[in-house]
Every structure is written in C-alpha cells, then in structure tokens.
C-alpha cells in the first residue's frame, strides 16, 4: 500500500542526505531514510530487551557456582561449532 503525501523539507538537508545516499530521487531518499529509522529503532529495542533478559538471568543465577569458569564454557561452545 502506498500513500501520497506532500511534505515540506529543508533543501539543504536534502542535499546533504543525497551525498550520503545512493538514492537518485527525493522519494527514494525519504523511503531510504524511513527504512534506516525503522532498522535503527528496532535494533535499539532488540538490544534493550536483550539487556533486560540478561538482567533477569543474572538475578536468577546469583549465588550459583560453576564447575568451570564462564570463559572456558564459552570458548568450548565456540570451538564446537
């Protein structure tokens, strides 16, 4: 689905953005900018939820002792792949 809209954009900002983009039209530039925004924000949200899950896991595992240091467990896991 496409939506037609009229927007007023800064010509200076558009020129600068075009230098960083491969877009050849203003429409393509705006679409690229929207795609980048969505990607960046979704990655931020993913990282935030990852931090929250790690925090919960840390609280659950507090007080437990491992037979092996975590670094050796991670190294073994990486080498087994």
C-alpha atoms as a PDB file:
ATOM      1  CA  UNK A   1       0.000   0.000   0.000  1.00  0.00           C
ATOM      2  CA  UNK A   2       1.327   3.425  -0.903  1.00  0.00           C
ATOM      3  CA  UNK A   3       0.259   6.776   0.453  1.00  0.00           C
ATOM      4  CA  UNK A   4       0.588  10.003  -1.426  1.00  0.00           C
ATOM      5  CA  UNK A   5       1.505  12.997   0.718  1.00  0.00           C
ATOM      6  CA  UNK A   6       3.010  16.442   0.407  1.00  0.00           C
ATOM      7  CA  UNK A   7       5.728  17.490   2.837  1.00  0.00           C
ATOM      8  CA  UNK A   8       7.982  20.495   3.121  1.00  0.00           C
ATOM      9  CA  UNK A   9      11.640  19.511   3.522  1.00  0.00           C
ATOM     10  CA  UNK A  10      14.771  21.553   4.007  1.00  0.00           C
ATOM     11  CA  UNK A  11      16.609  21.753   0.683  1.00  0.00           C
ATOM     12  CA  UNK A  12      19.957  21.940   2.492  1.00  0.00           C
ATOM     13  CA  UNK A  13      19.175  18.805   4.497  1.00  0.00           C
ATOM     14  CA  UNK A  14      18.049  17.004   1.343  1.00  0.00           C
ATOM     15  CA  UNK A  15      21.279  17.913  -0.484  1.00  0.00           C
ATOM     16  CA  UNK A  16      23.372  16.683   2.420  1.00  0.00           C
ATOM     17  CA  UNK A  17      21.382  13.460   2.694  1.00  0.00           C
ATOM     18  CA  UNK A  18      21.733  12.842  -1.052  1.00  0.00           C
ATOM     19  CA  UNK A  19      25.525  12.942  -0.663  1.00  0.00           C
ATOM     20  CA  UNK A  20      25.342  10.009   1.777  1.00  0.00           C
ATOM     21  CA  UNK A  21      22.763   8.059  -0.178  1.00  0.00           C
ATOM     22  CA  UNK A  22      22.653   6.189  -3.446  1.00  0.00           C
ATOM     23  CA  UNK A  23      19.101   7.444  -3.951  1.00  0.00           C
ATOM     24  CA  UNK A  24      18.586   9.460  -7.106  1.00  0.00           C
ATOM     25  CA  UNK A  25      15.177  10.932  -6.272  1.00  0.00           C
ATOM     26  CA  UNK A  26      13.723  12.690  -3.263  1.00  0.00           C
ATOM     27  CA  UNK A  27      11.118   9.967  -2.946  1.00  0.00           C
ATOM     28  CA  UNK A  28      13.787   7.246  -2.851  1.00  0.00           C
ATOM     29  CA  UNK A  29      15.751   9.272  -0.319  1.00  0.00           C
ATOM     30  CA  UNK A  30      12.755   9.623   2.006  1.00  0.00           C
ATOM     31  CA  UNK A  31      11.988   5.893   1.695  1.00  0.00           C
ATOM     32  CA  UNK A  32      15.614   5.016   2.474  1.00  0.00           C
ATOM     33  CA  UNK A  33      15.576   7.346   5.486  1.00  0.00           C
ATOM     34  CA  UNK A  34      12.393   5.715   6.782  1.00  0.00           C
ATOM     35  CA  UNK A  35      13.875   2.238   6.313  1.00  0.00           C
ATOM     36  CA  UNK A  36      17.028   3.242   8.181  1.00  0.00           C
ATOM     37  CA  UNK A  37      14.969   4.745  11.004  1.00  0.00           C
ATOM     38  CA  UNK A  38      12.896   1.588  11.375  1.00  0.00           C
ATOM     39  CA  UNK A  39      16.014  -0.598  11.329  1.00  0.00           C
ATOM     40  CA  UNK A  40      17.890   1.511  13.884  1.00  0.00           C
ATOM     41  CA  UNK A  41      14.968   1.744  16.282  1.00  0.00           C
ATOM     42  CA  UNK A  42      14.147  -1.974  16.034  1.00  0.00           C
ATOM     43  CA  UNK A  43      17.797  -2.816  16.783  1.00  0.00           C
ATOM     44  CA  UNK A  44      17.727  -0.453  19.769  1.00  0.00           C
ATOM     45  CA  UNK A  45      14.599  -2.189  21.059  1.00  0.00           C
ATOM     46  CA  UNK A  46      16.132  -5.628  20.492  1.00  0.00           C
ATOM     47  CA  UNK A  47      19.276  -4.641  22.412  1.00  0.00           C
ATOM     48  CA  UNK A  48      17.201  -3.173  25.246  1.00  0.00           C
ATOM     49  CA  UNK A  49      15.111  -6.325  25.639  1.00  0.00           C
ATOM     50  CA  UNK A  50      18.328  -8.371  25.496  1.00  0.00           C
ATOM     51  CA  UNK A  51      19.768  -6.302  28.369  1.00  0.00           C
ATOM     52  CA  UNK A  52      16.558  -6.804  30.344  1.00  0.00           C
ATOM     53  CA  UNK A  53      16.650 -10.572  29.772  1.00  0.00           C
ATOM     54  CA  UNK A  54      20.306 -10.687  30.818  1.00  0.00           C
ATOM     55  CA  UNK A  55      19.480  -8.752  33.966  1.00  0.00           C
ATOM     56  CA  UNK A  56      16.703 -11.202  34.866  1.00  0.00           C
ATOM     57  CA  UNK A  57      19.011 -14.137  34.158  1.00  0.00           C
ATOM     58  CA  UNK A  58      21.765 -12.609  36.304  1.00  0.00           C
ATOM     59  CA  UNK A  59      19.330 -12.253  39.216  1.00  0.00           C
ATOM     60  CA  UNK A  60      18.180 -15.869  38.817  1.00  0.00           C
ATOM     61  CA  UNK A  61      21.745 -17.194  38.663  1.00  0.00           C
ATOM     62  CA  UNK A  62      23.107 -15.074  41.516  1.00  0.00           C
ATOM     63  CA  UNK A  63      24.688 -17.283  44.149  1.00  0.00           C
ATOM     64  CA  UNK A  64      25.261 -20.244  41.849  1.00  0.00           C
ATOM     65  CA  UNK A  65      28.789 -21.521  41.327  1.00  0.00           C
ATOM     66  CA  UNK A  66      30.004 -23.066  38.109  1.00  0.00           C
ATOM     67  CA  UNK A  67      32.295 -26.065  37.810  1.00  0.00           C
ATOM     68  CA  UNK A  68      34.165 -24.251  35.042  1.00  0.00           C
ATOM     69  CA  UNK A  69      34.845 -20.546  34.556  1.00  0.00           C
ATOM     70  CA  UNK A  70      32.327 -18.928  32.161  1.00  0.00           C
ATOM     71  CA  UNK A  71      35.081 -18.016  29.705  1.00  0.00           C
ATOM     72  CA  UNK A  72      36.104 -21.637  29.213  1.00  0.00           C
ATOM     73  CA  UNK A  73      32.459 -22.664  28.757  1.00  0.00           C
ATOM     74  CA  UNK A  74      32.026 -20.002  26.055  1.00  0.00           C
ATOM     75  CA  UNK A  75      35.306 -20.939  24.380  1.00  0.00           C
ATOM     76  CA  UNK A  76      34.307 -24.626  24.318  1.00  0.00           C
ATOM     77  CA  UNK A  77      30.916 -23.717  22.845  1.00  0.00           C
ATOM     78  CA  UNK A  78      32.511 -21.532  20.142  1.00  0.00           C
ATOM     79  CA  UNK A  79      35.038 -24.223  19.203  1.00  0.00           C
ATOM     80  CA  UNK A  80      32.371 -26.913  18.960  1.00  0.00           C
ATOM     81  CA  UNK A  81      30.514 -25.031  16.211  1.00  0.00           C
END
